[in-house]
Amino acid sequence: MLKVTFIERDGAAREVEAKAGQTILDIAHAHGIDIEGACEGAMACSTCHVIVEPDWFDRLPEPSEDEEDMLDFASCLAATSRLGCQIEVTNALDGLVVRLPREVRNALLG
């Protein structure tokens, strides 16, 4: 099993187990972590926005143009922001740390 650590909105770190191939959104939902994912991973909203800790950011594949466009709708955007539905955990990402933004805006609702 792989490990992913979520830094929750209150600053608490929560390490959970994950399987290779799962997305950050799927992992969060499996462990009751407060990430909405209103579009269910279809990249049609920004409610699965996470902030990747800087030490991990360069290890991720480049975001697609569609992901970058959708991130424009995210609240609390940071230089290392990504959509959780687009980050697939691999063995190389064992130990990945992501932070939940302070607030979330649902792009589906405008």
PDB file of N, CA and C in Angstrom:
ATOM      1  N   MET A   1       0.832  -1.193   0.000  1.00  0.00           N
ATOM      2  CA  MET A   1       0.000   0.000   0.000  1.00  0.00           C
ATOM      3  C   MET A   1       0.876   1.256   0.000  1.00  0.00           C
ATOM      4  N   LEU A   2       0.398   2.252  -0.713  1.00  0.00           N
ATOM      5  CA  LEU A   2       1.063   3.547  -0.779  1.00  0.00           C
ATOM      6  C   LEU A   2       0.471   4.471   0.284  1.00  0.00           C
ATOM      7  N   LYS A   3       1.191   5.510   0.610  1.00  0.00           N
ATOM      8  CA  LYS A   3       0.727   6.491   1.602  1.00  0.00           C
ATOM      9  C   LYS A   3       0.538   7.847   0.940  1.00  0.00           C
ATOM     10  N   VAL A   4      -0.540   8.525   1.324  1.00  0.00           N
ATOM     11  CA  VAL A   4      -0.802   9.907   0.924  1.00  0.00           C
ATOM     12  C   VAL A   4      -1.189  10.651   2.192  1.00  0.00           C
ATOM     13  N   THR A   5      -0.635  11.840   2.354  1.00  0.00           N
ATOM     14  CA  THR A   5      -0.988  12.661   3.507  1.00  0.00           C
ATOM     15  C   THR A   5      -1.792  13.861   3.034  1.00  0.00           C
ATOM     16  N   PHE A   6      -2.943  14.048   3.651  1.00  0.00           N
ATOM     17  CA  PHE A   6      -3.799  15.205   3.401  1.00  0.00           C
ATOM     18  C   PHE A   6      -3.625  16.161   4.581  1.00  0.00           C
ATOM     19  N   ILE A   7      -3.351  17.424   4.296  1.00  0.00           N
ATOM     20  CA  ILE A   7      -3.350  18.460   5.327  1.00  0.00           C
ATOM     21  C   ILE A   7      -4.734  19.095   5.258  1.00  0.00           C
ATOM     22  N   GLU A   8      -5.520  18.839   6.280  1.00  0.00           N
ATOM     23  CA  GLU A   8      -6.907  19.295   6.262  1.00  0.00           C
ATOM     24  C   GLU A   8      -6.988  20.801   6.519  1.00  0.00           C
ATOM     25  N   ARG A   9      -8.180  21.346   6.332  1.00  0.00           N
ATOM     26  CA  ARG A   9      -8.371  22.794   6.432  1.00  0.00           C
ATOM     27  C   ARG A   9      -7.980  23.351   7.796  1.00  0.00           C
ATOM     28  N   ASP A  10      -8.082  22.518   8.847  1.00  0.00           N
ATOM     29  CA  ASP A  10      -7.704  22.974  10.185  1.00  0.00           C
ATOM     30  C   ASP A  10      -6.215  22.798  10.461  1.00  0.00           C
ATOM     31  N   GLY A  11      -5.448  22.316   9.454  1.00  0.00           N
ATOM     32  CA  GLY A  11      -4.009  22.140   9.596  1.00  0.00           C
ATOM     33  C   GLY A  11      -3.589  20.751  10.054  1.00  0.00           C
ATOM     34  N   ALA A  12      -4.557  19.916  10.412  1.00  0.00           N
ATOM     35  CA  ALA A  12      -4.225  18.560  10.860  1.00  0.00           C
ATOM     36  C   ALA A  12      -3.774  17.701   9.679  1.00  0.00           C
ATOM     37  N   ALA A  13      -2.708  16.938   9.887  1.00  0.00           N
ATOM     38  CA  ALA A  13      -2.203  16.022   8.866  1.00  0.00           C
ATOM     39  C   ALA A  13      -2.871  14.668   9.046  1.00  0.00           C
ATOM     40  N   ARG A  14      -3.328  14.109   7.937  1.00  0.00           N
ATOM     41  CA  ARG A  14      -3.989  12.810   7.987  1.00  0.00           C
ATOM     42  C   ARG A  14      -3.377  11.900   6.923  1.00  0.00           C
ATOM     43  N   GLU A  15      -2.623  10.904   7.350  1.00  0.00           N
ATOM     44  CA  GLU A  15      -1.997   9.956   6.431  1.00  0.00           C
ATOM     45  C   GLU A  15      -2.944   8.785   6.199  1.00  0.00           C
ATOM     46  N   VAL A  16      -3.150   8.453   4.920  1.00  0.00           N
ATOM     47  CA  VAL A  16      -4.051   7.361   4.562  1.00  0.00           C
ATOM     48  C   VAL A  16      -3.350   6.425   3.578  1.00  0.00           C
ATOM     49  N   GLU A  17      -3.903   5.227   3.441  1.00  0.00           N
ATOM     50  CA  GLU A  17      -3.371   4.268   2.489  1.00  0.00           C
ATOM     51  C   GLU A  17      -4.085   4.410   1.153  1.00  0.00           C
ATOM     52  N   ALA A  18      -3.340   4.129   0.087  1.00  0.00           N
ATOM     53  CA  ALA A  18      -3.889   4.235  -1.267  1.00  0.00           C
ATOM     54  C   ALA A  18      -3.306   3.115  -2.120  1.00  0.00           C
ATOM     55  N   LYS A  19      -3.978   2.846  -3.218  1.00  0.00           N
ATOM     56  CA  LYS A  19      -3.495   1.876  -4.191  1.00  0.00           C
ATOM     57  C   LYS A  19      -3.025   2.627  -5.427  1.00  0.00           C
ATOM     58  N   ALA A  20      -1.983   2.114  -6.061  1.00  0.00           N
ATOM     59  CA  ALA A  20      -1.509   2.703  -7.314  1.00  0.00           C
ATOM     60  C   ALA A  20      -2.668   2.744  -8.302  1.00  0.00           C
ATOM     61  N   GLY A  21      -2.781   3.869  -8.997  1.00  0.00           N
ATOM     62  CA  GLY A  21      -3.851   4.046  -9.977  1.00  0.00           C
ATOM     63  C   GLY A  21      -5.037   4.832  -9.461  1.00  0.00           C
ATOM     64  N   GLN A  22      -5.180   4.951  -8.139  1.00  0.00           N
ATOM     65  CA  GLN A  22      -6.273   5.754  -7.596  1.00  0.00           C
ATOM     66  C   GLN A  22      -5.938   7.228  -7.742  1.00  0.00           C
ATOM     67  N   THR A  23      -6.971   8.053  -7.898  1.00  0.00           N
ATOM     68  CA  THR A  23      -6.759   9.499  -7.924  1.00  0.00           C
ATOM     69  C   THR A  23      -6.856  10.047  -6.506  1.00  0.00           C
ATOM     70  N   ILE A  24      -6.329  11.235  -6.326  1.00  0.00           N
ATOM     71  CA  ILE A  24      -6.431  11.902  -5.029  1.00  0.00           C
ATOM     72  C   ILE A  24      -7.899  12.053  -4.639  1.00  0.00           C
ATOM     73  N   LEU A  25      -8.756  12.366  -5.597  1.00  0.00           N
ATOM     74  CA  LEU A  25     -10.188  12.485  -5.314  1.00  0.00           C
ATOM     75  C   LEU A  25     -10.753  11.162  -4.803  1.00  0.00           C
ATOM     76  N   ASP A  26     -10.444  10.064  -5.474  1.00  0.00           N
ATOM     77  CA  ASP A  26     -10.942   8.748  -5.051  1.00  0.00           C
ATOM     78  C   ASP A  26     -10.421   8.371  -3.669  1.00  0.00           C
ATOM     79  N   ILE A  27      -9.155   8.660  -3.421  1.00  0.00           N
ATOM     80  CA  ILE A  27      -8.545   8.348  -2.120  1.00  0.00           C
ATOM     81  C   ILE A  27      -9.237   9.150  -1.018  1.00  0.00           C
ATOM     82  N   ALA A  28      -9.452  10.432  -1.276  1.00  0.00           N
ATOM     83  CA  ALA A  28     -10.126  11.289  -0.290  1.00  0.00           C
ATOM     84  C   ALA A  28     -11.513  10.751   0.030  1.00  0.00           C
ATOM     85  N   HIS A  29     -12.284  10.418  -0.994  1.00  0.00           N
ATOM     86  CA  HIS A  29     -13.637   9.900  -0.771  1.00  0.00           C
ATOM     87  C   HIS A  29     -13.603   8.585  -0.001  1.00  0.00           C
ATOM     88  N   ALA A  30     -12.650   7.713  -0.306  1.00  0.00           N
ATOM     89  CA  ALA A  30     -12.556   6.412   0.372  1.00  0.00           C
ATOM     90  C   ALA A  30     -12.247   6.560   1.860  1.00  0.00           C
ATOM     91  N   HIS A  31     -11.638   7.691   2.246  1.00  0.00           N
ATOM     92  CA  HIS A  31     -11.233   7.880   3.641  1.00  0.00           C
ATOM     93  C   HIS A  31     -11.997   9.004   4.338  1.00  0.00           C
ATOM     94  N   GLY A  32     -13.083   9.466   3.742  1.00  0.00           N
ATOM     95  CA  GLY A  32     -13.920  10.477   4.386  1.00  0.00           C
ATOM     96  C   GLY A  32     -13.260  11.831   4.517  1.00  0.00           C
ATOM     97  N   ILE A  33     -12.355  12.153   3.605  1.00  0.00           N
ATOM     98  CA  ILE A  33     -11.694  13.461   3.622  1.00  0.00           C
ATOM     99  C   ILE A  33     -12.574  14.451   2.865  1.00  0.00           C
ATOM    100  N   ASP A  34     -12.668  15.657   3.359  1.00  0.00           N
ATOM    101  CA  ASP A  34     -13.631  16.652   2.879  1.00  0.00           C
ATOM    102  C   ASP A  34     -13.222  17.291   1.544  1.00  0.00           C
ATOM    103  N   ILE A  35     -13.301  16.497   0.478  1.00  0.00           N
ATOM    104  CA  ILE A  35     -13.137  17.000  -0.890  1.00  0.00           C
ATOM    105  C   ILE A  35     -14.425  16.656  -1.618  1.00  0.00           C
ATOM    106  N   GLU A  36     -15.073  17.673  -2.181  1.00  0.00           N
ATOM    107  CA  GLU A  36     -16.391  17.455  -2.781  1.00  0.00           C
ATOM    108  C   GLU A  36     -16.344  16.650  -4.074  1.00  0.00           C
ATOM    109  N   GLY A  37     -15.658  17.133  -5.081  1.00  0.00           N
ATOM    110  CA  GLY A  37     -15.665  16.446  -6.374  1.00  0.00           C
ATOM    111  C   GLY A  37     -17.046  16.443  -7.001  1.00  0.00           C
ATOM    112  N   ALA A  38     -17.667  17.617  -7.114  1.00  0.00           N
ATOM    113  CA  ALA A  38     -19.052  17.731  -7.580  1.00  0.00           C
ATOM    114  C   ALA A  38     -19.292  17.099  -8.944  1.00  0.00           C
ATOM    115  N   CYS A  39     -18.306  17.115  -9.818  1.00  0.00           N
ATOM    116  CA  CYS A  39     -18.480  16.568 -11.169  1.00  0.00           C
ATOM    117  C   CYS A  39     -18.058  15.097 -11.247  1.00  0.00           C
ATOM    118  N   GLU A  40     -17.728  14.526 -10.086  1.00  0.00           N
ATOM    119  CA  GLU A  40     -17.336  13.119  -9.988  1.00  0.00           C
ATOM    120  C   GLU A  40     -16.113  12.781 -10.827  1.00  0.00           C
ATOM    121  N   GLY A  41     -15.185  13.718 -10.921  1.00  0.00           N
ATOM    122  CA  GLY A  41     -13.931  13.466 -11.613  1.00  0.00           C
ATOM    123  C   GLY A  41     -13.950  13.704 -13.104  1.00  0.00           C
ATOM    124  N   ALA A  42     -14.977  14.368 -13.612  1.00  0.00           N
ATOM    125  CA  ALA A  42     -15.090  14.633 -15.051  1.00  0.00           C
ATOM    126  C   ALA A  42     -14.351  15.908 -15.473  1.00  0.00           C
ATOM    127  N   MET A  43     -13.664  16.541 -14.561  1.00  0.00           N
ATOM    128  CA  MET A  43     -12.939  17.795 -14.795  1.00  0.00           C
ATOM    129  C   MET A  43     -13.867  18.891 -15.327  1.00  0.00           C
ATOM    130  N   ALA A  44     -15.045  18.975 -14.718  1.00  0.00           N
ATOM    131  CA  ALA A  44     -16.019  19.993 -15.093  1.00  0.00           C
ATOM    132  C   ALA A  44     -16.287  20.964 -13.940  1.00  0.00           C
ATOM    133  N   CYS A  45     -15.524  20.848 -12.874  1.00  0.00           N
ATOM    134  CA  CYS A  45     -15.633  21.775 -11.748  1.00  0.00           C
ATOM    135  C   CYS A  45     -14.250  21.891 -11.122  1.00  0.00           C
ATOM    136  N   SER A  46     -14.143  22.639 -10.069  1.00  0.00           N
ATOM    137  CA  SER A  46     -12.851  22.769  -9.392  1.00  0.00           C
ATOM    138  C   SER A  46     -12.959  22.400  -7.918  1.00  0.00           C
ATOM    139  N   THR A  47     -13.974  21.635  -7.550  1.00  0.00           N
ATOM    140  CA  THR A  47     -14.208  21.322  -6.137  1.00  0.00           C
ATOM    141  C   THR A  47     -13.281  20.247  -5.587  1.00  0.00           C
ATOM    142  N   CYS A  48     -12.428  19.659  -6.422  1.00  0.00           N
ATOM    143  CA  CYS A  48     -11.423  18.712  -5.920  1.00  0.00           C
ATOM    144  C   CYS A  48     -10.043  19.367  -5.920  1.00  0.00           C
ATOM    145  N   HIS A  49     -10.020  20.687  -5.976  1.00  0.00           N
ATOM    146  CA  HIS A  49      -8.768  21.452  -5.955  1.00  0.00           C
ATOM    147  C   HIS A  49      -7.971  21.119  -4.695  1.00  0.00           C
ATOM    148  N   VAL A  50      -6.696  20.784  -4.899  1.00  0.00           N
ATOM    149  CA  VAL A  50      -5.762  20.579  -3.790  1.00  0.00           C
ATOM    150  C   VAL A  50      -4.495  21.367  -4.083  1.00  0.00           C
ATOM    151  N   ILE A  51      -3.743  21.618  -3.038  1.00  0.00           N
ATOM    152  CA  ILE A  51      -2.460  22.298  -3.173  1.00  0.00           C
ATOM    153  C   ILE A  51      -1.381  21.277  -2.833  1.00  0.00           C
ATOM    154  N   VAL A  52      -0.589  20.946  -3.828  1.00  0.00           N
ATOM    155  CA  VAL A  52       0.465  19.947  -3.654  1.00  0.00           C
ATOM    156  C   VAL A  52       1.634  20.608  -2.923  1.00  0.00           C
ATOM    157  N   GLU A  53       2.151  19.925  -1.917  1.00  0.00           N
ATOM    158  CA  GLU A  53       3.311  20.467  -1.209  1.00  0.00           C
ATOM    159  C   GLU A  53       4.456  20.640  -2.201  1.00  0.00           C
ATOM    160  N   PRO A  54       5.190  21.746  -2.134  1.00  0.00           N
ATOM    161  CA  PRO A  54       6.208  22.069  -3.133  1.00  0.00           C
ATOM    162  C   PRO A  54       7.229  20.962  -3.410  1.00  0.00           C
ATOM    163  N   ASP A  55       7.630  20.214  -2.383  1.00  0.00           N
ATOM    164  CA  ASP A  55       8.609  19.147  -2.587  1.00  0.00           C
ATOM    165  C   ASP A  55       8.099  18.052  -3.521  1.00  0.00           C
ATOM    166  N   TRP A  56       6.801  17.957  -3.680  1.00  0.00           N
ATOM    167  CA  TRP A  56       6.186  16.914  -4.509  1.00  0.00           C
ATOM    168  C   TRP A  56       5.746  17.408  -5.875  1.00  0.00           C
ATOM    169  N   PHE A  57       5.568  18.700  -6.018  1.00  0.00           N
ATOM    170  CA  PHE A  57       4.933  19.242  -7.224  1.00  0.00           C
ATOM    171  C   PHE A  57       5.647  18.853  -8.518  1.00  0.00           C
ATOM    172  N   ASP A  58       6.955  18.946  -8.551  1.00  0.00           N
ATOM    173  CA  ASP A  58       7.694  18.649  -9.780  1.00  0.00           C
ATOM    174  C   ASP A  58       7.721  17.162 -10.121  1.00  0.00           C
ATOM    175  N   ARG A  59       7.272  16.326  -9.220  1.00  0.00           N
ATOM    176  CA  ARG A  59       7.218  14.879  -9.480  1.00  0.00           C
ATOM    177  C   ARG A  59       5.942  14.482 -10.232  1.00  0.00           C
ATOM    178  N   LEU A  60       4.991  15.402 -10.298  1.00  0.00           N
ATOM    179  CA  LEU A  60       3.723  15.114 -10.977  1.00  0.00           C
ATOM    180  C   LEU A  60       3.851  15.357 -12.476  1.00  0.00           C
ATOM    181  N   PRO A  61       3.064  14.625 -13.270  1.00  0.00           N
ATOM    182  CA  PRO A  61       3.009  14.951 -14.702  1.00  0.00           C
ATOM    183  C   PRO A  61       2.448  16.359 -14.885  1.00  0.00           C
ATOM    184  N   GLU A  62       2.806  16.996 -15.981  1.00  0.00           N
ATOM    185  CA  GLU A  62       2.296  18.333 -16.280  1.00  0.00           C
ATOM    186  C   GLU A  62       0.762  18.305 -16.377  1.00  0.00           C
ATOM    187  N   PRO A  63       0.085  19.351 -15.893  1.00  0.00           N
ATOM    188  CA  PRO A  63      -1.368  19.408 -16.053  1.00  0.00           C
ATOM    189  C   PRO A  63      -1.734  19.670 -17.517  1.00  0.00           C
ATOM    190  N   SER A  64      -2.883  19.166 -17.907  1.00  0.00           N
ATOM    191  CA  SER A  64      -3.380  19.438 -19.256  1.00  0.00           C
ATOM    192  C   SER A  64      -3.883  20.876 -19.330  1.00  0.00           C
ATOM    193  N   GLU A  65      -4.089  21.359 -20.544  1.00  0.00           N
ATOM    194  CA  GLU A  65      -4.669  22.701 -20.709  1.00  0.00           C
ATOM    195  C   GLU A  65      -6.047  22.773 -20.080  1.00  0.00           C
ATOM    196  N   ASP A  66      -6.824  21.697 -20.226  1.00  0.00           N
ATOM    197  CA  ASP A  66      -8.171  21.673 -19.641  1.00  0.00           C
ATOM    198  C   ASP A  66      -8.109  21.795 -18.124  1.00  0.00           C
ATOM    199  N   GLU A  67      -7.156  21.105 -17.510  1.00  0.00           N
ATOM    200  CA  GLU A  67      -7.015  21.206 -16.056  1.00  0.00           C
ATOM    201  C   GLU A  67      -6.614  22.626 -15.664  1.00  0.00           C
ATOM    202  N   GLU A  68      -5.660  23.197 -16.369  1.00  0.00           N
ATOM    203  CA  GLU A  68      -5.246  24.573 -16.067  1.00  0.00           C
ATOM    204  C   GLU A  68      -6.408  25.545 -16.211  1.00  0.00           C
ATOM    205  N   ASP A  69      -7.229  25.355 -17.249  1.00  0.00           N
ATOM    206  CA  ASP A  69      -8.401  26.218 -17.432  1.00  0.00           C
ATOM    207  C   ASP A  69      -9.380  26.077 -16.274  1.00  0.00           C
ATOM    208  N   MET A  70      -9.611  24.850 -15.819  1.00  0.00           N
ATOM    209  CA  MET A  70     -10.557  24.628 -14.730  1.00  0.00           C
ATOM    210  C   MET A  70     -10.010  25.180 -13.412  1.00  0.00           C
ATOM    211  N   LEU A  71      -8.709  25.127 -13.231  1.00  0.00           N
ATOM    212  CA  LEU A  71      -8.114  25.682 -12.011  1.00  0.00           C
ATOM    213  C   LEU A  71      -8.341  27.184 -11.906  1.00  0.00           C
ATOM    214  N   ASP A  72      -8.569  27.863 -13.037  1.00  0.00           N
ATOM    215  CA  ASP A  72      -8.859  29.300 -12.998  1.00  0.00           C
ATOM    216  C   ASP A  72     -10.104  29.609 -12.172  1.00  0.00           C
ATOM    217  N   PHE A  73     -10.972  28.619 -11.989  1.00  0.00           N
ATOM    218  CA  PHE A  73     -12.201  28.809 -11.215  1.00  0.00           C
ATOM    219  C   PHE A  73     -12.023  28.482  -9.728  1.00  0.00           C
ATOM    220  N   ALA A  74     -10.866  27.951  -9.352  1.00  0.00           N
ATOM    221  CA  ALA A  74     -10.647  27.508  -7.975  1.00  0.00           C
ATOM    222  C   ALA A  74     -10.384  28.684  -7.039  1.00  0.00           C
ATOM    223  N   SER A  75     -10.882  28.567  -5.831  1.00  0.00           N
ATOM    224  CA  SER A  75     -10.587  29.533  -4.773  1.00  0.00           C
ATOM    225  C   SER A  75      -9.237  29.195  -4.166  1.00  0.00           C
ATOM    226  N   CYS A  76      -8.581  30.178  -3.607  1.00  0.00           N
ATOM    227  CA  CYS A  76      -7.321  29.981  -2.886  1.00  0.00           C
ATOM    228  C   CYS A  76      -6.258  29.329  -3.762  1.00  0.00           C
ATOM    229  N   LEU A  77      -6.206  29.720  -5.019  1.00  0.00           N
ATOM    230  CA  LEU A  77      -5.256  29.159  -5.968  1.00  0.00           C
ATOM    231  C   LEU A  77      -3.824  29.435  -5.518  1.00  0.00           C
ATOM    232  N   ALA A  78      -2.955  28.433  -5.676  1.00  0.00           N
ATOM    233  CA  ALA A  78      -1.536  28.559  -5.324  1.00  0.00           C
ATOM    234  C   ALA A  78      -0.698  28.094  -6.514  1.00  0.00           C
ATOM    235  N   ALA A  79       0.580  28.370  -6.467  1.00  0.00           N
ATOM    236  CA  ALA A  79       1.483  27.978  -7.558  1.00  0.00           C
ATOM    237  C   ALA A  79       1.523  26.472  -7.754  1.00  0.00           C
ATOM    238  N   THR A  80       1.205  25.702  -6.709  1.00  0.00           N
ATOM    239  CA  THR A  80       1.245  24.241  -6.801  1.00  0.00           C
ATOM    240  C   THR A  80      -0.150  23.621  -6.777  1.00  0.00           C
ATOM    241  N   SER A  81      -1.161  24.383  -7.189  1.00  0.00           N
ATOM    242  CA  SER A  81      -2.534  23.882  -7.227  1.00  0.00           C
ATOM    243  C   SER A  81      -2.727  22.871  -8.356  1.00  0.00           C
ATOM    244  N   ARG A  82      -3.512  21.854  -8.067  1.00  0.00           N
ATOM    245  CA  ARG A  82      -3.898  20.841  -9.058  1.00  0.00           C
ATOM    246  C   ARG A  82      -5.312  20.382  -8.729  1.00  0.00           C
ATOM    247  N   LEU A  83      -5.937  19.706  -9.678  1.00  0.00           N
ATOM    248  CA  LEU A  83      -7.231  19.069  -9.423  1.00  0.00           C
ATOM    249  C   LEU A  83      -6.959  17.650  -8.936  1.00  0.00           C
ATOM    250  N   GLY A  84      -7.575  17.288  -7.833  1.00  0.00           N
ATOM    251  CA  GLY A  84      -7.368  15.961  -7.257  1.00  0.00           C
ATOM    252  C   GLY A  84      -7.799  14.835  -8.172  1.00  0.00           C
ATOM    253  N   CYS A  85      -8.759  15.105  -9.047  1.00  0.00           N
ATOM    254  CA  CYS A  85      -9.217  14.067  -9.983  1.00  0.00           C
ATOM    255  C   CYS A  85      -8.198  13.779 -11.071  1.00  0.00           C
ATOM    256  N   GLN A  86      -7.196  14.641 -11.197  1.00  0.00           N
ATOM    257  CA  GLN A  86      -6.195  14.493 -12.251  1.00  0.00           C
ATOM    258  C   GLN A  86      -4.845  13.983 -11.743  1.00  0.00           C
ATOM    259  N   ILE A  87      -4.735  13.787 -10.440  1.00  0.00           N
ATOM    260  CA  ILE A  87      -3.491  13.255  -9.879  1.00  0.00           C
ATOM    261  C   ILE A  87      -3.695  11.784  -9.585  1.00  0.00           C
ATOM    262  N   GLU A  88      -3.048  10.938 -10.371  1.00  0.00           N
ATOM    263  CA  GLU A  88      -3.111   9.497 -10.176  1.00  0.00           C
ATOM    264  C   GLU A  88      -1.876   9.069  -9.386  1.00  0.00           C
ATOM    265  N   VAL A  89      -2.095   8.377  -8.289  1.00  0.00           N
ATOM    266  CA  VAL A  89      -0.999   7.967  -7.425  1.00  0.00           C
ATOM    267  C   VAL A  89      -0.257   6.784  -8.051  1.00  0.00           C
ATOM    268  N   THR A  90       1.054   6.877  -8.035  1.00  0.00           N
ATOM    269  CA  THR A  90       1.932   5.823  -8.532  1.00  0.00           C
ATOM    270  C   THR A  90       2.948   5.494  -7.438  1.00  0.00           C
ATOM    271  N   ASN A  91       3.728   4.461  -7.653  1.00  0.00           N
ATOM    272  CA  ASN A  91       4.777   4.122  -6.689  1.00  0.00           C
ATOM    273  C   ASN A  91       5.730   5.296  -6.481  1.00  0.00           C
ATOM    274  N   ALA A  92       5.983   6.065  -7.530  1.00  0.00           N
ATOM    275  CA  ALA A  92       6.875   7.217  -7.435  1.00  0.00           C
ATOM    276  C   ALA A  92       6.290   8.319  -6.552  1.00  0.00           C
ATOM    277  N   LEU A  93       4.983   8.283  -6.312  1.00  0.00           N
ATOM    278  CA  LEU A  93       4.322   9.302  -5.491  1.00  0.00           C
ATOM    279  C   LEU A  93       3.986   8.792  -4.087  1.00  0.00           C
ATOM    280  N   ASP A  94       4.568   7.659  -3.694  1.00  0.00           N
ATOM    281  CA  ASP A  94       4.359   7.138  -2.344  1.00  0.00           C
ATOM    282  C   ASP A  94       4.840   8.174  -1.342  1.00  0.00           C
ATOM    283  N   GLY A  95       3.947   8.627  -0.458  1.00  0.00           N
ATOM    284  CA  GLY A  95       4.267   9.653   0.524  1.00  0.00           C
ATOM    285  C   GLY A  95       3.803  11.047   0.132  1.00  0.00           C
ATOM    286  N   LEU A  96       3.143  11.174  -1.020  1.00  0.00           N
ATOM    287  CA  LEU A  96       2.645  12.460  -1.517  1.00  0.00           C
ATOM    288  C   LEU A  96       1.887  13.216  -0.426  1.00  0.00           C
ATOM    289  N   VAL A  97       2.116  14.535  -0.376  1.00  0.00           N
ATOM    290  CA  VAL A  97       1.433  15.395   0.599  1.00  0.00           C
ATOM    291  C   VAL A  97       0.671  16.470  -0.161  1.00  0.00           C
ATOM    292  N   VAL A  98      -0.636  16.553   0.108  1.00  0.00           N
ATOM    293  CA  VAL A  98      -1.476  17.587  -0.492  1.00  0.00           C
ATOM    294  C   VAL A  98      -2.238  18.309   0.610  1.00  0.00           C
ATOM    295  N   ARG A  99      -2.493  19.573   0.361  1.00  0.00           N
ATOM    296  CA  ARG A  99      -3.193  20.432   1.316  1.00  0.00           C
ATOM    297  C   ARG A  99      -4.556  20.798   0.748  1.00  0.00           C
ATOM    298  N   LEU A 100      -5.578  20.781   1.585  1.00  0.00           N
ATOM    299  CA  LEU A 100      -6.906  21.235   1.155  1.00  0.00           C
ATOM    300  C   LEU A 100      -6.943  22.754   1.255  1.00  0.00           C
ATOM    301  N   PRO A 101      -7.485  23.426   0.238  1.00  0.00           N
ATOM    302  CA  PRO A 101      -7.580  24.889   0.305  1.00  0.00           C
ATOM    303  C   PRO A 101      -8.568  25.319   1.391  1.00  0.00           C
ATOM    304  N   ARG A 102      -8.421  26.549   1.838  1.00  0.00           N
ATOM    305  CA  ARG A 102      -9.305  27.064   2.894  1.00  0.00           C
ATOM    306  C   ARG A 102     -10.760  27.064   2.487  1.00  0.00           C
ATOM    307  N   GLU A 103     -11.032  27.297   1.199  1.00  0.00           N
ATOM    308  CA  GLU A 103     -12.425  27.310   0.724  1.00  0.00           C
ATOM    309  C   GLU A 103     -12.482  26.741  -0.685  1.00  0.00           C
ATOM    310  N   VAL A 104     -13.687  26.387  -1.099  1.00  0.00           N
ATOM    311  CA  VAL A 104     -13.913  25.766  -2.413  1.00  0.00           C
ATOM    312  C   VAL A 104     -15.049  26.488  -3.102  1.00  0.00           C
ATOM    313  N   ARG A 105     -14.908  26.696  -4.401  1.00  0.00           N
ATOM    314  CA  ARG A 105     -15.963  27.307  -5.231  1.00  0.00           C
ATOM    315  C   ARG A 105     -16.413  26.260  -6.231  1.00  0.00           C
ATOM    316  N   ASN A 106     -17.708  26.038  -6.350  1.00  0.00           N
ATOM    317  CA  ASN A 106     -18.242  25.055  -7.272  1.00  0.00           C
ATOM    318  C   ASN A 106     -18.488  25.717  -8.637  1.00  0.00           C
ATOM    319  N   ALA A 107     -17.634  25.388  -9.611  1.00  0.00           N
ATOM    320  CA  ALA A 107     -17.737  25.978 -10.957  1.00  0.00           C
ATOM    321  C   ALA A 107     -19.020  25.544 -11.664  1.00  0.00           C
ATOM    322  N   LEU A 108     -19.618  24.441 -11.250  1.00  0.00           N
ATOM    323  CA  LEU A 108     -20.866  24.003 -11.866  1.00  0.00           C
ATOM    324  C   LEU A 108     -22.013  24.959 -11.536  1.00  0.00           C
ATOM    325  N   LEU A 109     -21.905  25.612 -10.386  1.00  0.00           N
ATOM    326  CA  LEU A 109     -22.974  26.518  -9.946  1.00  0.00           C
ATOM    327  C   LEU A 109     -22.723  27.956 -10.367  1.00  0.00           C
ATOM    328  N   GLY A 110     -21.556  28.215 -10.923  1.00  0.00           N
ATOM    329  CA  GLY A 110     -21.237  29.563 -11.396  1.00  0.00           C
ATOM    330  C   GLY A 110     -20.564  30.432 -10.414  1.00  0.00           C
TER     331      GLY A 110
END
